[in-house]
Amino acid sequence: MTESTSLEPARGQFSRPRFFLLVLAGAYPLITTILYVVRPFTEGWSLWQRTLIVAPIMVSLMVWGLIPFVQKRFHRFIHPGG
C-alpha cells in the first residue's frame, strides 16, 4: 500500500480549509452588518463595551444560522469525493 501525500482530504472526509473559506465568506458580511447596525446605538462606548454587545449576536447568528446553512447547502463541497 502507498500512503497519500496529497493535501486533499480522503474521499468523503471533512475539509477544514473549505469549511473555513465558506464560514469566512459568511462571517465577514455578517459582522460588518452587525457593526453598522449597532454603531448608532453605541456612540461613545468603549471598544470592549461595543464588543460585549456584538459578540453574542455574532456567535448566535453563526451557531444557529450561518454554520448550519453552510453545512447543509455546501455538504458536497466540504466533504469532497463523498
PDB file of N, CA and C in Angstrom:
ATOM      1  N   MET A   1       0.839  -1.181   0.000  1.00  0.00           N
ATOM      2  CA  MET A   1       0.000   0.000   0.000  1.00  0.00           C
ATOM      3  C   MET A   1       0.882   1.243   0.000  1.00  0.00           C
ATOM      4  N   THR A   2       0.395   2.264  -0.658  1.00  0.00           N
ATOM      5  CA  THR A   2       1.136   3.522  -0.664  1.00  0.00           C
ATOM      6  C   THR A   2       0.357   4.557   0.113  1.00  0.00           C
ATOM      7  N   GLU A   3       1.104   5.396   0.811  1.00  0.00           N
ATOM      8  CA  GLU A   3       0.454   6.460   1.567  1.00  0.00           C
ATOM      9  C   GLU A   3       0.216   7.645   0.654  1.00  0.00           C
ATOM     10  N   SER A   4      -0.896   8.323   0.873  1.00  0.00           N
ATOM     11  CA  SER A   4      -1.204   9.511   0.107  1.00  0.00           C
ATOM     12  C   SER A   4      -0.470  10.704   0.715  1.00  0.00           C
ATOM     13  N   THR A   5       0.231  11.437  -0.128  1.00  0.00           N
ATOM     14  CA  THR A   5       0.942  12.622   0.352  1.00  0.00           C
ATOM     15  C   THR A   5       0.223  13.892  -0.053  1.00  0.00           C
ATOM     16  N   SER A   6      -0.937  13.745  -0.647  1.00  0.00           N
ATOM     17  CA  SER A   6      -1.711  14.887  -1.097  1.00  0.00           C
ATOM     18  C   SER A   6      -2.306  15.649   0.078  1.00  0.00           C
ATOM     19  N   LEU A   7      -2.491  16.934  -0.116  1.00  0.00           N
ATOM     20  CA  LEU A   7      -3.136  17.757   0.901  1.00  0.00           C
ATOM     21  C   LEU A   7      -4.654  17.671   0.806  1.00  0.00           C
ATOM     22  N   GLU A   8      -5.142  17.032  -0.241  1.00  0.00           N
ATOM     23  CA  GLU A   8      -6.579  16.842  -0.388  1.00  0.00           C
ATOM     24  C   GLU A   8      -7.069  15.843   0.656  1.00  0.00           C
ATOM     25  N   PRO A   9      -8.240  16.081   1.235  1.00  0.00           N
ATOM     26  CA  PRO A   9      -8.762  15.126   2.207  1.00  0.00           C
ATOM     27  C   PRO A   9      -9.127  13.807   1.536  1.00  0.00           C
ATOM     28  N   ALA A  10      -9.142  12.745   2.331  1.00  0.00           N
ATOM     29  CA  ALA A  10      -9.541  11.438   1.819  1.00  0.00           C
ATOM     30  C   ALA A  10     -10.987  11.497   1.352  1.00  0.00           C
ATOM     31  N   ARG A  11     -11.367  10.558   0.547  1.00  0.00           N
ATOM     32  CA  ARG A  11     -12.715  10.515  -0.034  1.00  0.00           C
ATOM     33  C   ARG A  11     -13.791  10.658   1.045  1.00  0.00           C
ATOM     34  N   GLY A  12     -14.607  11.678   0.908  1.00  0.00           N
ATOM     35  CA  GLY A  12     -15.709  11.909   1.830  1.00  0.00           C
ATOM     36  C   GLY A  12     -15.318  12.530   3.155  1.00  0.00           C
ATOM     37  N   GLN A  13     -14.032  12.807   3.343  1.00  0.00           N
ATOM     38  CA  GLN A  13     -13.565  13.367   4.607  1.00  0.00           C
ATOM     39  C   GLN A  13     -13.835  14.873   4.647  1.00  0.00           C
ATOM     40  N   PHE A  14     -14.109  15.366   5.828  1.00  0.00           N
ATOM     41  CA  PHE A  14     -14.377  16.781   6.058  1.00  0.00           C
ATOM     42  C   PHE A  14     -13.155  17.624   5.707  1.00  0.00           C
ATOM     43  N   SER A  15     -13.358  18.702   4.943  1.00  0.00           N
ATOM     44  CA  SER A  15     -12.266  19.593   4.553  1.00  0.00           C
ATOM     45  C   SER A  15     -12.335  20.880   5.369  1.00  0.00           C
ATOM     46  N   ARG A  16     -11.465  21.006   6.365  1.00  0.00           N
ATOM     47  CA  ARG A  16     -11.434  22.215   7.177  1.00  0.00           C
ATOM     48  C   ARG A  16     -11.118  23.471   6.368  1.00  0.00           C
ATOM     49  N   PRO A  17     -10.157  23.434   5.445  1.00  0.00           N
ATOM     50  CA  PRO A  17      -9.882  24.649   4.668  1.00  0.00           C
ATOM     51  C   PRO A  17     -11.096  25.134   3.873  1.00  0.00           C
ATOM     52  N   ARG A  18     -11.841  24.220   3.275  1.00  0.00           N
ATOM     53  CA  ARG A  18     -13.030  24.614   2.513  1.00  0.00           C
ATOM     54  C   ARG A  18     -14.118  25.155   3.441  1.00  0.00           C
ATOM     55  N   PHE A  19     -14.288  24.495   4.580  1.00  0.00           N
ATOM     56  CA  PHE A  19     -15.264  24.965   5.565  1.00  0.00           C
ATOM     57  C   PHE A  19     -14.873  26.348   6.068  1.00  0.00           C
ATOM     58  N   PHE A  20     -13.598  26.532   6.353  1.00  0.00           N
ATOM     59  CA  PHE A  20     -13.086  27.829   6.799  1.00  0.00           C
ATOM     60  C   PHE A  20     -13.423  28.924   5.794  1.00  0.00           C
ATOM     61  N   LEU A  21     -13.157  28.670   4.520  1.00  0.00           N
ATOM     62  CA  LEU A  21     -13.419  29.679   3.496  1.00  0.00           C
ATOM     63  C   LEU A  21     -14.897  30.038   3.403  1.00  0.00           C
ATOM     64  N   LEU A  22     -15.761  29.039   3.500  1.00  0.00           N
ATOM     65  CA  LEU A  22     -17.196  29.307   3.436  1.00  0.00           C
ATOM     66  C   LEU A  22     -17.685  30.083   4.654  1.00  0.00           C
ATOM     67  N   VAL A  23     -17.210  29.701   5.842  1.00  0.00           N
ATOM     68  CA  VAL A  23     -17.618  30.412   7.054  1.00  0.00           C
ATOM     69  C   VAL A  23     -17.074  31.839   7.033  1.00  0.00           C
ATOM     70  N   LEU A  24     -15.842  32.016   6.584  1.00  0.00           N
ATOM     71  CA  LEU A  24     -15.275  33.355   6.472  1.00  0.00           C
ATOM     72  C   LEU A  24     -16.083  34.215   5.502  1.00  0.00           C
ATOM     73  N   ALA A  25     -16.469  33.628   4.377  1.00  0.00           N
ATOM     74  CA  ALA A  25     -17.259  34.358   3.383  1.00  0.00           C
ATOM     75  C   ALA A  25     -18.609  34.795   3.945  1.00  0.00           C
ATOM     76  N   GLY A  26     -19.151  34.031   4.880  1.00  0.00           N
ATOM     77  CA  GLY A  26     -20.410  34.413   5.508  1.00  0.00           C
ATOM     78  C   GLY A  26     -20.222  35.301   6.724  1.00  0.00           C
ATOM     79  N   ALA A  27     -19.151  35.072   7.481  1.00  0.00           N
ATOM     80  CA  ALA A  27     -18.929  35.812   8.718  1.00  0.00           C
ATOM     81  C   ALA A  27     -18.550  37.268   8.457  1.00  0.00           C
ATOM     82  N   TYR A  28     -17.747  37.511   7.438  1.00  0.00           N
ATOM     83  CA  TYR A  28     -17.314  38.892   7.171  1.00  0.00           C
ATOM     84  C   TYR A  28     -18.494  39.835   6.919  1.00  0.00           C
ATOM     85  N   PRO A  29     -19.385  39.526   5.980  1.00  0.00           N
ATOM     86  CA  PRO A  29     -20.517  40.444   5.784  1.00  0.00           C
ATOM     87  C   PRO A  29     -21.459  40.481   6.988  1.00  0.00           C
ATOM     88  N   LEU A  30     -21.564  39.366   7.699  1.00  0.00           N
ATOM     89  CA  LEU A  30     -22.426  39.316   8.871  1.00  0.00           C
ATOM     90  C   LEU A  30     -21.921  40.258   9.963  1.00  0.00           C
ATOM     91  N   ILE A  31     -20.644  40.173  10.297  1.00  0.00           N
ATOM     92  CA  ILE A  31     -20.093  41.030  11.350  1.00  0.00           C
ATOM     93  C   ILE A  31     -20.080  42.487  10.910  1.00  0.00           C
ATOM     94  N   THR A  32     -19.827  42.749   9.643  1.00  0.00           N
ATOM     95  CA  THR A  32     -19.841  44.124   9.148  1.00  0.00           C
ATOM     96  C   THR A  32     -21.232  44.730   9.282  1.00  0.00           C
ATOM     97  N   THR A  33     -22.252  43.954   8.925  1.00  0.00           N
ATOM     98  CA  THR A  33     -23.632  44.432   9.043  1.00  0.00           C
ATOM     99  C   THR A  33     -23.999  44.684  10.501  1.00  0.00           C
ATOM    100  N   ILE A  34     -23.639  43.766  11.373  1.00  0.00           N
ATOM    101  CA  ILE A  34     -23.938  43.937  12.801  1.00  0.00           C
ATOM    102  C   ILE A  34     -23.273  45.203  13.333  1.00  0.00           C
ATOM    103  N   LEU A  35     -22.025  45.437  12.962  1.00  0.00           N
ATOM    104  CA  LEU A  35     -21.310  46.631  13.427  1.00  0.00           C
ATOM    105  C   LEU A  35     -21.989  47.908  12.939  1.00  0.00           C
ATOM    106  N   TYR A  36     -22.428  47.921  11.684  1.00  0.00           N
ATOM    107  CA  TYR A  36     -23.136  49.095  11.167  1.00  0.00           C
ATOM    108  C   TYR A  36     -24.468  49.324  11.881  1.00  0.00           C
ATOM    109  N   VAL A  37     -25.168  48.251  12.226  1.00  0.00           N
ATOM    110  CA  VAL A  37     -26.458  48.376  12.908  1.00  0.00           C
ATOM    111  C   VAL A  37     -26.268  48.839  14.349  1.00  0.00           C
ATOM    112  N   VAL A  38     -25.268  48.301  15.032  1.00  0.00           N
ATOM    113  CA  VAL A  38     -25.049  48.594  16.450  1.00  0.00           C
ATOM    114  C   VAL A  38     -24.398  49.963  16.667  1.00  0.00           C
ATOM    115  N   ARG A  39     -23.607  50.396  15.711  1.00  0.00           N
ATOM    116  CA  ARG A  39     -22.823  51.628  15.871  1.00  0.00           C
ATOM    117  C   ARG A  39     -23.635  52.855  16.319  1.00  0.00           C
ATOM    118  N   PRO A  40     -24.768  53.152  15.694  1.00  0.00           N
ATOM    119  CA  PRO A  40     -25.505  54.357  16.123  1.00  0.00           C
ATOM    120  C   PRO A  40     -25.994  54.291  17.575  1.00  0.00           C
ATOM    121  N   PHE A  41     -26.250  53.089  18.069  1.00  0.00           N
ATOM    122  CA  PHE A  41     -26.749  52.930  19.429  1.00  0.00           C
ATOM    123  C   PHE A  41     -25.633  52.893  20.464  1.00  0.00           C
ATOM    124  N   THR A  42     -24.396  52.792  19.999  1.00  0.00           N
ATOM    125  CA  THR A  42     -23.268  52.657  20.928  1.00  0.00           C
ATOM    126  C   THR A  42     -22.231  53.753  20.733  1.00  0.00           C
ATOM    127  N   GLU A  43     -22.628  54.878  20.178  1.00  0.00           N
ATOM    128  CA  GLU A  43     -21.702  56.009  20.004  1.00  0.00           C
ATOM    129  C   GLU A  43     -21.126  56.400  21.354  1.00  0.00           C
ATOM    130  N   GLY A  44     -19.842  56.580  21.401  1.00  0.00           N
ATOM    131  CA  GLY A  44     -19.179  56.989  22.631  1.00  0.00           C
ATOM    132  C   GLY A  44     -18.822  55.850  23.566  1.00  0.00           C
ATOM    133  N   TRP A  45     -19.215  54.639  23.227  1.00  0.00           N
ATOM    134  CA  TRP A  45     -18.886  53.485  24.064  1.00  0.00           C
ATOM    135  C   TRP A  45     -17.437  53.068  23.817  1.00  0.00           C
ATOM    136  N   SER A  46     -16.845  52.444  24.795  1.00  0.00           N
ATOM    137  CA  SER A  46     -15.515  51.866  24.624  1.00  0.00           C
ATOM    138  C   SER A  46     -15.616  50.649  23.719  1.00  0.00           C
ATOM    139  N   LEU A  47     -14.484  50.283  23.140  1.00  0.00           N
ATOM    140  CA  LEU A  47     -14.463  49.131  22.247  1.00  0.00           C
ATOM    141  C   LEU A  47     -14.918  47.861  22.956  1.00  0.00           C
ATOM    142  N   TRP A  48     -14.475  47.656  24.196  1.00  0.00           N
ATOM    143  CA  TRP A  48     -14.846  46.437  24.924  1.00  0.00           C
ATOM    144  C   TRP A  48     -16.351  46.392  25.179  1.00  0.00           C
ATOM    145  N   GLN A  49     -16.973  47.554  25.392  1.00  0.00           N
ATOM    146  CA  GLN A  49     -18.419  47.591  25.623  1.00  0.00           C
ATOM    147  C   GLN A  49     -19.184  47.251  24.340  1.00  0.00           C
ATOM    148  N   ARG A  50     -18.723  47.794  23.245  1.00  0.00           N
ATOM    149  CA  ARG A  50     -19.364  47.512  21.957  1.00  0.00           C
ATOM    150  C   ARG A  50     -19.206  46.026  21.609  1.00  0.00           C
ATOM    151  N   THR A  51     -18.020  45.477  21.877  1.00  0.00           N
ATOM    152  CA  THR A  51     -17.765  44.065  21.606  1.00  0.00           C
ATOM    153  C   THR A  51     -18.643  43.178  22.481  1.00  0.00           C
ATOM    154  N   LEU A  52     -18.920  43.615  23.702  1.00  0.00           N
ATOM    155  CA  LEU A  52     -19.781  42.867  24.613  1.00  0.00           C
ATOM    156  C   LEU A  52     -21.193  42.723  24.051  1.00  0.00           C
ATOM    157  N   ILE A  53     -21.632  43.671  23.264  1.00  0.00           N
ATOM    158  CA  ILE A  53     -22.951  43.610  22.617  1.00  0.00           C
ATOM    159  C   ILE A  53     -22.880  42.803  21.315  1.00  0.00           C
ATOM    160  N   VAL A  54     -21.841  43.037  20.525  1.00  0.00           N
ATOM    161  CA  VAL A  54     -21.735  42.440  19.195  1.00  0.00           C
ATOM    162  C   VAL A  54     -21.424  40.942  19.248  1.00  0.00           C
ATOM    163  N   ALA A  55     -20.539  40.518  20.143  1.00  0.00           N
ATOM    164  CA  ALA A  55     -20.089  39.121  20.173  1.00  0.00           C
ATOM    165  C   ALA A  55     -21.228  38.115  20.360  1.00  0.00           C
ATOM    166  N   PRO A  56     -22.124  38.293  21.335  1.00  0.00           N
ATOM    167  CA  PRO A  56     -23.211  37.314  21.476  1.00  0.00           C
ATOM    168  C   PRO A  56     -24.150  37.270  20.262  1.00  0.00           C
ATOM    169  N   ILE A  57     -24.375  38.422  19.645  1.00  0.00           N
ATOM    170  CA  ILE A  57     -25.214  38.468  18.447  1.00  0.00           C
ATOM    171  C   ILE A  57     -24.536  37.679  17.328  1.00  0.00           C
ATOM    172  N   MET A  58     -23.256  37.941  17.130  1.00  0.00           N
ATOM    173  CA  MET A  58     -22.498  37.279  16.067  1.00  0.00           C
ATOM    174  C   MET A  58     -22.436  35.769  16.289  1.00  0.00           C
ATOM    175  N   VAL A  59     -22.105  35.348  17.490  1.00  0.00           N
ATOM    176  CA  VAL A  59     -21.992  33.914  17.777  1.00  0.00           C
ATOM    177  C   VAL A  59     -23.347  33.220  17.608  1.00  0.00           C
ATOM    178  N   SER A  60     -24.407  33.847  18.076  1.00  0.00           N
ATOM    179  CA  SER A  60     -25.752  33.264  17.920  1.00  0.00           C
ATOM    180  C   SER A  60     -26.112  33.090  16.452  1.00  0.00           C
ATOM    181  N   LEU A  61     -25.870  34.114  15.652  1.00  0.00           N
ATOM    182  CA  LEU A  61     -26.190  34.021  14.232  1.00  0.00           C
ATOM    183  C   LEU A  61     -25.338  32.978  13.517  1.00  0.00           C
ATOM    184  N   MET A  62     -24.114  32.807  13.970  1.00  0.00           N
ATOM    185  CA  MET A  62     -23.259  31.797  13.352  1.00  0.00           C
ATOM    186  C   MET A  62     -23.664  30.381  13.759  1.00  0.00           C
ATOM    187  N   VAL A  63     -23.912  30.169  15.060  1.00  0.00           N
ATOM    188  CA  VAL A  63     -24.222  28.829  15.558  1.00  0.00           C
ATOM    189  C   VAL A  63     -25.578  28.341  15.064  1.00  0.00           C
ATOM    190  N   TRP A  64     -26.575  29.210  15.066  1.00  0.00           N
ATOM    191  CA  TRP A  64     -27.924  28.775  14.683  1.00  0.00           C
ATOM    192  C   TRP A  64     -28.324  29.176  13.268  1.00  0.00           C
ATOM    193  N   GLY A  65     -27.446  29.860  12.551  1.00  0.00           N
ATOM    194  CA  GLY A  65     -27.789  30.283  11.204  1.00  0.00           C
ATOM    195  C   GLY A  65     -26.734  29.955  10.168  1.00  0.00           C
ATOM    196  N   LEU A  66     -25.617  30.640  10.244  1.00  0.00           N
ATOM    197  CA  LEU A  66     -24.589  30.529   9.213  1.00  0.00           C
ATOM    198  C   LEU A  66     -23.981  29.132   9.114  1.00  0.00           C
ATOM    199  N   ILE A  67     -23.526  28.572  10.211  1.00  0.00           N
ATOM    200  CA  ILE A  67     -22.847  27.270  10.165  1.00  0.00           C
ATOM    201  C   ILE A  67     -23.790  26.148   9.729  1.00  0.00           C
ATOM    202  N   PRO A  68     -25.011  26.059  10.273  1.00  0.00           N
ATOM    203  CA  PRO A  68     -25.920  25.017   9.751  1.00  0.00           C
ATOM    204  C   PRO A  68     -26.227  25.205   8.258  1.00  0.00           C
ATOM    205  N   PHE A  69     -26.354  26.457   7.822  1.00  0.00           N
ATOM    206  CA  PHE A  69     -26.599  26.725   6.404  1.00  0.00           C
ATOM    207  C   PHE A  69     -25.441  26.230   5.551  1.00  0.00           C
ATOM    208  N   VAL A  70     -24.224  26.561   5.956  1.00  0.00           N
ATOM    209  CA  VAL A  70     -23.036  26.131   5.207  1.00  0.00           C
ATOM    210  C   VAL A  70     -22.940  24.611   5.180  1.00  0.00           C
ATOM    211  N   GLN A  71     -23.156  23.964   6.318  1.00  0.00           N
ATOM    212  CA  GLN A  71     -23.058  22.510   6.384  1.00  0.00           C
ATOM    213  C   GLN A  71     -24.095  21.822   5.505  1.00  0.00           C
ATOM    214  N   LYS A  72     -25.295  22.372   5.452  1.00  0.00           N
ATOM    215  CA  LYS A  72     -26.355  21.754   4.659  1.00  0.00           C
ATOM    216  C   LYS A  72     -26.215  22.095   3.175  1.00  0.00           C
ATOM    217  N   ARG A  73     -26.037  23.360   2.886  1.00  0.00           N
ATOM    218  CA  ARG A  73     -26.007  23.816   1.488  1.00  0.00           C
ATOM    219  C   ARG A  73     -24.743  23.392   0.753  1.00  0.00           C
ATOM    220  N   PHE A  74     -23.610  23.338   1.438  1.00  0.00           N
ATOM    221  CA  PHE A  74     -22.329  23.057   0.798  1.00  0.00           C
ATOM    222  C   PHE A  74     -21.731  21.719   1.253  1.00  0.00           C
ATOM    223  N   HIS A  75     -22.575  20.782   1.637  1.00  0.00           N
ATOM    224  CA  HIS A  75     -22.105  19.494   2.149  1.00  0.00           C
ATOM    225  C   HIS A  75     -21.132  18.811   1.190  1.00  0.00           C
ATOM    226  N   ARG A  76     -21.456  18.763  -0.070  1.00  0.00           N
ATOM    227  CA  ARG A  76     -20.593  18.079  -1.035  1.00  0.00           C
ATOM    228  C   ARG A  76     -19.259  18.798  -1.216  1.00  0.00           C
ATOM    229  N   PHE A  77     -19.266  20.119  -1.109  1.00  0.00           N
ATOM    230  CA  PHE A  77     -18.021  20.888  -1.266  1.00  0.00           C
ATOM    231  C   PHE A  77     -17.093  20.677  -0.067  1.00  0.00           C
ATOM    232  N   ILE A  78     -17.655  20.619   1.135  1.00  0.00           N
ATOM    233  CA  ILE A  78     -16.795  20.459   2.325  1.00  0.00           C
ATOM    234  C   ILE A  78     -16.520  18.999   2.644  1.00  0.00           C
ATOM    235  N   HIS A  79     -17.179  18.074   1.940  1.00  0.00           N
ATOM    236  CA  HIS A  79     -16.904  16.635   2.051  1.00  0.00           C
ATOM    237  C   HIS A  79     -16.612  16.115   0.641  1.00  0.00           C
ATOM    238  N   PRO A  80     -15.484  16.520   0.069  1.00  0.00           N
ATOM    239  CA  PRO A  80     -15.212  16.168  -1.331  1.00  0.00           C
ATOM    240  C   PRO A  80     -15.072  14.661  -1.540  1.00  0.00           C
ATOM    241  N   GLY A  81     -15.598  14.212  -2.641  1.00  0.00           N
ATOM    242  CA  GLY A  81     -15.463  12.808  -3.020  1.00  0.00           C
ATOM    243  C   GLY A  81     -16.395  11.874  -2.284  1.00  0.00           C
ATOM    244  N   GLY A  82     -17.246  12.426  -1.427  1.00  0.00           N
ATOM    245  CA  GLY A  82     -18.088  11.548  -0.612  1.00  0.00           C
ATOM    246  C   GLY A  82     -19.411  11.264  -1.173  1.00  0.00           C
TER     247      GLY A  82
END
